[in-house]
Amino acid sequence: MSRTVVVLSPRLGAVLPAAALPALRTAPVVLAAADVPADLVAAAGAEPLGGPVPADAVLLTTDPAHPAIAGAAEVITTPEPAGASLLDAVAVMDRLRSPGGCPWDAEQTHTSLLQYLVEEAYELYQAIEDGERDAIREELGDVLLQVLFHARVAAEGADGKPFDIDDVAGELVAKLVGRHPHVFAGTERIDTAERQQHRWEELKRVEKQRESSVDGVPLGQPAVALAAKLTSRTARAGLPADLLPDGCTVGEQLFALAAKAKLAGLDPEAALRGVARRFADTVRDAERAARDEGLDPHALDPEAWHRHWPASRSEPAREPG
């Protein structure tokens, strides 16, 4: 029998790959490197590695770069499920928050972290707007950090009601399964995205025992998005469009515009953000043109602004959708 090396997953603890069982049953000797968990060493009937690995031995290790791999006839790895790296993220967060970790991380609370939750969400929003794949991946990680951080703070139970990341994930799984009976229970048939959206809201309303169509709408979101969300919620409840705010004040006029866009199938928040970002780019272009002529872009008069304003930016952009 030729040497076999079984590379275990340090994330999965005492988990032995099924593909290694035949080699373990027939091997004259099974050795375990010092990094292998003691309970797995005992379960495999292995002996501690104390020198060179015999040519007919099976070696257990968690080191994917172990020197014995170079001369192995067979290397068996331990398959990891999708999401296994999340265990590393949880472990790093625990280390940062634990005694001997990072002083700044240790001082944070749910409240002190709120600003970062909002900032990271908007940075991800912008990365998606810009279509920058690398930035999307990075910003998703930063949003994930906020989830891990808040869950780790909650696990300490300062308010007497602790929960941890497994509770968060478990509740999410239960929610997704419960609100997709057509997928997981086979008790319904949903054949359109629109029907699923309506069914989701129905199940959510029953689950949370909501008395109003606008219960649960997060009031802290940006005003345009809030107006759009309230419009869509009340529209699904059958509210006539003529009962939506539509007065003479600035707020009522803004609400009316947001509602009109939402009822037309547009996203007014995204539309306004698009206009605002294009405007910011145009301002930079004009300032750059003025600077190229030796002018101070921070001291332009109206005539200078008009002269350097890009003509191509003057035409209105078409609405998305």
Protein backbone atom coordinates (compact mmCIF):
# COMPACT_ATOMS: atom_id res chain seq x y z
CA MET A 1 0.00 0.00 0.00
CA SER A 2 1.29 3.45 -0.92
CA ARG A 3 1.25 6.44 1.36
CA THR A 4 -2.06 8.29 1.65
CA VAL A 5 -2.50 11.75 3.12
CA VAL A 6 -5.93 12.80 4.37
CA VAL A 7 -6.26 16.58 4.62
CA LEU A 8 -8.90 17.47 7.19
CA SER A 9 -10.82 20.74 7.42
CA PRO A 10 -9.77 22.90 10.38
CA ARG A 11 -13.21 24.56 10.12
CA LEU A 12 -15.26 21.39 10.51
CA GLY A 13 -13.61 19.95 13.63
CA ALA A 14 -13.72 16.14 13.99
CA VAL A 15 -15.10 15.47 10.52
CA LEU A 16 -13.51 12.68 8.50
CA PRO A 17 -14.18 12.45 4.72
CA ALA A 18 -16.00 9.28 3.69
CA ALA A 19 -13.50 8.78 0.86
CA ALA A 20 -10.80 8.14 3.47
CA LEU A 21 -12.55 5.19 5.15
CA PRO A 22 -11.26 2.42 2.80
CA ALA A 23 -7.67 3.58 3.26
CA LEU A 24 -8.07 3.79 7.03
CA ARG A 25 -9.50 0.27 7.22
CA THR A 26 -6.63 -1.33 5.31
CA ALA A 27 -3.66 0.79 6.39
CA PRO A 28 -0.96 -0.95 8.46
CA VAL A 29 -0.57 2.27 10.43
CA VAL A 30 -2.54 5.50 10.73
CA LEU A 31 -0.65 8.57 11.92
CA ALA A 32 -1.97 11.94 12.99
CA ALA A 33 -0.13 15.25 12.86
CA ALA A 34 -0.20 17.43 15.95
CA ASP A 35 -2.86 19.70 14.41
CA VAL A 36 -5.52 16.95 14.28
CA PRO A 37 -8.26 17.18 16.97
CA ALA A 38 -7.77 14.62 19.75
CA ASP A 39 -11.28 13.13 19.42
CA LEU A 40 -10.70 12.45 15.74
CA VAL A 41 -7.31 10.87 16.50
CA ALA A 42 -9.03 8.51 18.91
CA ALA A 43 -11.91 7.73 16.55
CA ALA A 44 -9.52 6.87 13.72
CA GLY A 45 -7.29 4.76 15.95
CA ALA A 46 -4.34 6.90 14.91
CA GLU A 47 -0.95 7.28 16.52
CA PRO A 48 0.79 10.64 16.97
CA LEU A 49 3.24 11.45 14.19
CA GLY A 50 6.73 11.39 15.70
CA GLY A 51 9.03 11.17 12.71
CA PRO A 52 9.08 10.38 8.97
CA VAL A 53 5.86 9.03 7.48
CA PRO A 54 6.25 5.37 6.42
CA ALA A 55 5.60 4.58 2.77
CA ASP A 56 2.53 2.45 3.58
CA ALA A 57 0.94 4.73 6.17
CA VAL A 58 -2.11 6.95 6.16
CA LEU A 59 -1.42 10.41 7.55
CA LEU A 60 -4.12 12.67 8.95
CA THR A 61 -3.39 16.42 8.91
CA THR A 62 -5.17 19.76 8.66
CA ASP A 63 -2.22 21.31 6.80
CA PRO A 64 -2.84 21.43 3.02
CA ALA A 65 0.89 22.10 2.54
CA HIS A 66 2.20 19.28 4.74
CA PRO A 67 5.61 18.00 3.46
CA ALA A 68 4.30 14.43 3.28
CA ILE A 69 1.91 15.41 0.50
CA ALA A 70 4.79 15.72 -1.98
CA GLY A 71 5.52 11.98 -1.79
CA ALA A 72 1.95 10.74 -1.37
CA ALA A 73 0.35 8.37 -3.84
CA GLU A 74 -3.08 9.68 -2.91
CA VAL A 75 -4.28 12.88 -1.28
CA ILE A 76 -7.83 12.89 0.06
CA THR A 77 -9.34 16.26 0.97
CA THR A 78 -12.37 16.99 3.11
CA PRO A 79 -15.22 18.57 1.13
CA GLU A 80 -16.59 21.72 2.70
CA PRO A 81 -20.14 22.95 2.19
CA ALA A 82 -20.84 26.31 0.56
CA GLY A 83 -20.48 28.99 3.21
CA ALA A 84 -17.76 27.21 5.17
CA SER A 85 -15.64 30.36 5.13
CA LEU A 86 -18.37 32.06 7.16
CA LEU A 87 -17.11 29.99 10.10
CA ASP A 88 -13.76 31.75 9.75
CA ALA A 89 -15.51 35.13 9.74
CA VAL A 90 -17.39 34.23 12.93
CA ALA A 91 -14.17 33.06 14.58
CA VAL A 92 -12.32 36.26 13.64
CA MET A 93 -15.16 38.40 15.01
CA ASP A 94 -15.14 36.43 18.26
CA ARG A 95 -11.37 36.91 18.56
CA LEU A 96 -11.60 40.66 17.98
CA ARG A 97 -14.35 41.06 20.57
CA SER A 98 -12.84 38.73 23.22
CA PRO A 99 -10.34 39.67 25.96
CA GLY A 100 -6.94 40.27 24.40
CA GLY A 101 -8.54 41.24 21.11
CA CYS A 102 -9.10 44.72 19.69
CA PRO A 103 -9.86 47.48 22.25
CA TRP A 104 -11.97 49.44 19.75
CA ASP A 105 -14.07 46.41 18.81
CA ALA A 106 -14.55 45.57 22.48
CA GLU A 107 -16.03 49.01 23.22
CA GLN A 108 -18.70 49.00 20.51
CA THR A 109 -22.43 48.68 21.16
CA HIS A 110 -25.45 48.24 18.93
CA THR A 111 -25.97 52.00 19.08
CA SER A 112 -22.37 53.02 18.36
CA LEU A 113 -22.33 50.72 15.32
CA LEU A 114 -25.45 52.23 13.71
CA GLN A 115 -23.54 54.81 11.66
CA TYR A 116 -21.40 52.09 10.09
CA LEU A 117 -24.42 49.97 9.23
CA VAL A 118 -25.88 52.84 7.21
CA GLU A 119 -22.55 53.79 5.62
CA GLU A 120 -21.71 50.26 4.53
CA ALA A 121 -25.19 49.71 3.09
CA TYR A 122 -24.87 52.85 0.98
CA GLU A 123 -21.35 51.95 -0.16
CA LEU A 124 -22.71 48.61 -1.36
CA TYR A 125 -25.61 50.44 -3.03
CA GLN A 126 -23.15 52.65 -4.92
CA ALA A 127 -20.95 49.71 -5.93
CA ILE A 128 -24.01 47.99 -7.43
CA GLU A 129 -25.04 51.22 -9.18
CA ASP A 130 -21.55 51.50 -10.67
CA GLY A 131 -21.48 47.83 -11.67
CA GLU A 132 -18.02 47.36 -10.13
CA ARG A 133 -17.78 43.63 -9.44
CA ASP A 134 -14.71 43.79 -7.17
CA ALA A 135 -16.24 46.63 -5.17
CA ILE A 136 -19.53 44.73 -4.82
CA ARG A 137 -17.68 41.74 -3.38
CA GLU A 138 -15.76 43.93 -0.93
CA GLU A 139 -18.80 45.93 0.18
CA LEU A 140 -20.87 42.78 0.66
CA GLY A 141 -18.15 41.69 3.08
CA ASP A 142 -18.41 44.99 4.94
CA VAL A 143 -22.19 44.60 5.25
CA LEU A 144 -21.66 41.02 6.46
CA LEU A 145 -19.25 42.36 9.08
CA GLN A 146 -22.05 44.50 10.50
CA VAL A 147 -24.25 41.41 10.87
CA LEU A 148 -21.45 39.44 12.55
CA PHE A 149 -20.57 42.38 14.80
CA HIS A 150 -24.13 42.98 16.03
CA ALA A 151 -24.68 39.26 16.58
CA ARG A 152 -21.45 39.02 18.60
CA VAL A 153 -22.46 42.00 20.75
CA ALA A 154 -25.89 40.42 21.30
CA ALA A 155 -24.32 37.10 22.32
CA GLU A 156 -22.82 38.81 25.37
CA GLY A 157 -26.34 39.37 26.66
CA ALA A 158 -25.87 42.80 28.20
CA ASP A 159 -29.65 43.25 28.18
CA GLY A 160 -30.31 39.82 29.67
CA LYS A 161 -31.65 38.44 26.39
CA PRO A 162 -28.62 37.04 24.54
CA PHE A 163 -28.70 35.56 21.05
CA ASP A 164 -25.90 34.65 18.68
CA ILE A 165 -25.16 34.32 14.96
CA ASP A 166 -26.69 30.83 14.86
CA ASP A 167 -29.96 32.22 16.24
CA VAL A 168 -29.88 34.92 13.56
CA ALA A 169 -29.23 32.40 10.79
CA GLY A 170 -31.78 29.93 12.17
CA GLU A 171 -34.50 32.57 12.24
CA LEU A 172 -33.65 33.60 8.69
CA VAL A 173 -33.87 30.00 7.47
CA ALA A 174 -37.25 29.53 9.17
CA LYS A 175 -38.51 32.75 7.61
CA LEU A 176 -37.37 31.87 4.09
CA VAL A 177 -38.81 28.36 4.28
CA GLY A 178 -42.08 29.55 5.82
CA ARG A 179 -42.60 32.24 3.22
CA HIS A 180 -41.87 29.96 0.28
CA PRO A 181 -44.34 27.09 0.80
CA HIS A 182 -44.48 26.60 -2.97
CA VAL A 183 -40.77 25.73 -2.90
CA PHE A 184 -40.27 23.84 0.35
CA ALA A 185 -43.69 22.36 1.15
CA GLY A 186 -45.19 21.96 -2.31
CA THR A 187 -48.54 23.10 -0.98
CA GLU A 188 -48.98 26.00 -3.38
CA ARG A 189 -48.25 26.92 -6.96
CA ILE A 190 -46.60 30.28 -7.62
CA ASP A 191 -45.71 30.92 -11.25
CA THR A 192 -44.91 34.65 -11.37
CA ALA A 193 -42.64 36.96 -9.42
CA GLU A 194 -45.54 39.38 -8.89
CA ARG A 195 -47.70 36.65 -7.35
CA GLN A 196 -44.84 35.62 -5.07
CA GLN A 197 -44.41 39.21 -3.89
CA HIS A 198 -48.09 39.42 -2.99
CA ARG A 199 -47.98 36.01 -1.26
CA TRP A 200 -44.87 37.04 0.70
CA GLU A 201 -46.69 40.10 2.05
CA GLU A 202 -49.74 38.01 2.92
CA LEU A 203 -47.70 35.47 4.87
CA LYS A 204 -45.69 38.22 6.53
CA ARG A 205 -48.86 40.06 7.60
CA VAL A 206 -50.30 36.92 9.19
CA GLU A 207 -47.01 35.94 10.79
CA LYS A 208 -46.48 39.33 12.41
CA GLN A 209 -50.18 39.87 13.13
CA ARG A 210 -50.15 43.28 11.50
CA GLU A 211 -53.27 45.38 11.75
CA SER A 212 -52.39 47.96 9.09
CA SER A 213 -51.08 47.76 5.55
CA VAL A 214 -48.29 50.18 6.54
CA ASP A 215 -47.21 48.35 9.70
CA GLY A 216 -43.58 47.29 9.44
CA VAL A 217 -42.53 49.91 6.91
CA PRO A 218 -39.15 51.18 8.17
CA LEU A 219 -39.68 54.89 8.74
CA GLY A 220 -35.95 55.60 8.98
CA GLN A 221 -35.27 55.01 5.29
CA PRO A 222 -34.67 57.91 2.86
CA ALA A 223 -37.78 60.02 2.33
CA VAL A 224 -38.24 59.25 -1.37
CA ALA A 225 -37.87 55.51 -0.74
CA LEU A 226 -40.26 55.80 2.21
CA ALA A 227 -42.90 57.53 0.09
CA ALA A 228 -42.51 54.87 -2.59
CA LYS A 229 -42.81 52.04 -0.07
CA LEU A 230 -45.92 53.51 1.53
CA THR A 231 -47.42 53.95 -1.94
CA SER A 232 -46.79 50.34 -2.94
CA ARG A 233 -48.09 48.98 0.38
CA THR A 234 -51.30 50.98 0.26
CA ALA A 235 -51.81 50.26 -3.44
CA ARG A 236 -51.75 46.53 -2.68
CA ALA A 237 -54.32 47.21 0.04
CA GLY A 238 -56.59 48.80 -2.59
CA LEU A 239 -56.17 52.44 -1.54
CA PRO A 240 -57.37 54.72 -4.39
CA ALA A 241 -54.57 56.83 -5.85
CA ASP A 242 -56.55 60.03 -5.29
CA LEU A 243 -56.17 59.57 -1.52
CA LEU A 244 -52.39 59.80 -1.69
CA PRO A 245 -50.79 63.09 -0.52
CA ASP A 246 -51.10 65.65 -3.32
CA GLY A 247 -51.22 69.13 -1.84
CA CYS A 248 -49.38 72.40 -2.38
CA THR A 249 -46.56 72.03 0.13
CA VAL A 250 -43.12 70.97 -1.01
CA GLY A 251 -43.39 67.74 0.97
CA GLU A 252 -46.76 66.85 -0.56
CA GLN A 253 -45.53 67.60 -4.07
CA LEU A 254 -42.43 65.47 -3.55
CA PHE A 255 -44.56 62.63 -2.20
CA ALA A 256 -46.89 62.92 -5.19
CA LEU A 257 -43.96 62.68 -7.62
CA ALA A 258 -42.54 59.66 -5.80
CA ALA A 259 -45.96 58.00 -5.73
CA LYS A 260 -46.53 58.66 -9.43
CA ALA A 261 -43.20 57.08 -10.31
CA LYS A 262 -43.83 54.05 -8.11
CA LEU A 263 -47.29 53.45 -9.53
CA ALA A 264 -45.73 53.64 -13.01
CA GLY A 265 -43.35 50.82 -12.10
CA LEU A 266 -40.29 53.02 -11.56
CA ASP A 267 -37.99 53.31 -8.55
CA PRO A 268 -38.06 57.02 -7.61
CA GLU A 269 -35.17 56.64 -5.15
CA ALA A 270 -32.92 55.17 -7.84
CA ALA A 271 -34.13 57.75 -10.38
CA LEU A 272 -33.34 60.67 -8.09
CA ARG A 273 -29.98 59.18 -7.12
CA GLY A 274 -29.14 58.82 -10.80
CA VAL A 275 -29.91 62.48 -11.47
CA ALA A 276 -27.98 63.59 -8.38
CA ARG A 277 -24.91 61.56 -9.32
CA ARG A 278 -24.95 62.81 -12.90
CA PHE A 279 -25.24 66.36 -11.57
CA ALA A 280 -22.24 65.83 -9.30
CA ASP A 281 -20.22 64.54 -12.28
CA THR A 282 -21.25 67.54 -14.35
CA VAL A 283 -20.17 69.96 -11.60
CA ARG A 284 -16.77 68.27 -11.46
CA ASP A 285 -16.43 68.51 -15.26
CA ALA A 286 -17.21 72.23 -15.21
CA GLU A 287 -14.79 72.86 -12.36
CA ARG A 288 -12.10 70.87 -14.12
CA ALA A 289 -12.61 72.89 -17.33
CA ALA A 290 -12.35 76.12 -15.37
CA ARG A 291 -9.22 74.95 -13.59
CA ASP A 292 -7.64 74.09 -16.96
CA GLU A 293 -8.11 77.74 -17.94
CA GLY A 294 -6.33 78.87 -14.80
CA LEU A 295 -9.46 79.83 -12.88
CA ASP A 296 -10.18 79.02 -9.26
CA PRO A 297 -13.09 76.53 -9.37
CA HIS A 298 -14.13 77.65 -5.89
CA ALA A 299 -14.61 81.27 -6.99
CA LEU A 300 -16.57 81.05 -10.25
CA ASP A 301 -19.20 83.64 -11.07
CA PRO A 302 -22.46 82.70 -12.87
CA GLU A 303 -21.02 83.63 -16.27
CA ALA A 304 -18.01 81.34 -15.72
CA TRP A 305 -20.25 78.49 -14.60
CA HIS A 306 -22.35 78.80 -17.77
CA ARG A 307 -19.27 79.04 -19.99
CA HIS A 308 -17.71 75.86 -18.62
CA TRP A 309 -20.90 73.86 -18.16
CA PRO A 310 -20.71 70.76 -20.44
CA ALA A 311 -23.26 71.13 -23.21
CA SER A 312 -23.75 67.37 -23.45
CA ARG A 313 -24.95 67.30 -19.82
CA SER A 314 -27.73 69.82 -20.42
CA GLU A 315 -30.12 67.33 -22.03
CA PRO A 316 -32.42 65.50 -19.59
CA ALA A 317 -31.72 61.82 -19.10
CA ARG A 318 -34.40 59.25 -19.86
CA GLU A 319 -36.15 57.66 -16.91
CA PRO A 320 -35.06 54.10 -16.06
CA GLY A 321 -37.53 51.32 -16.59
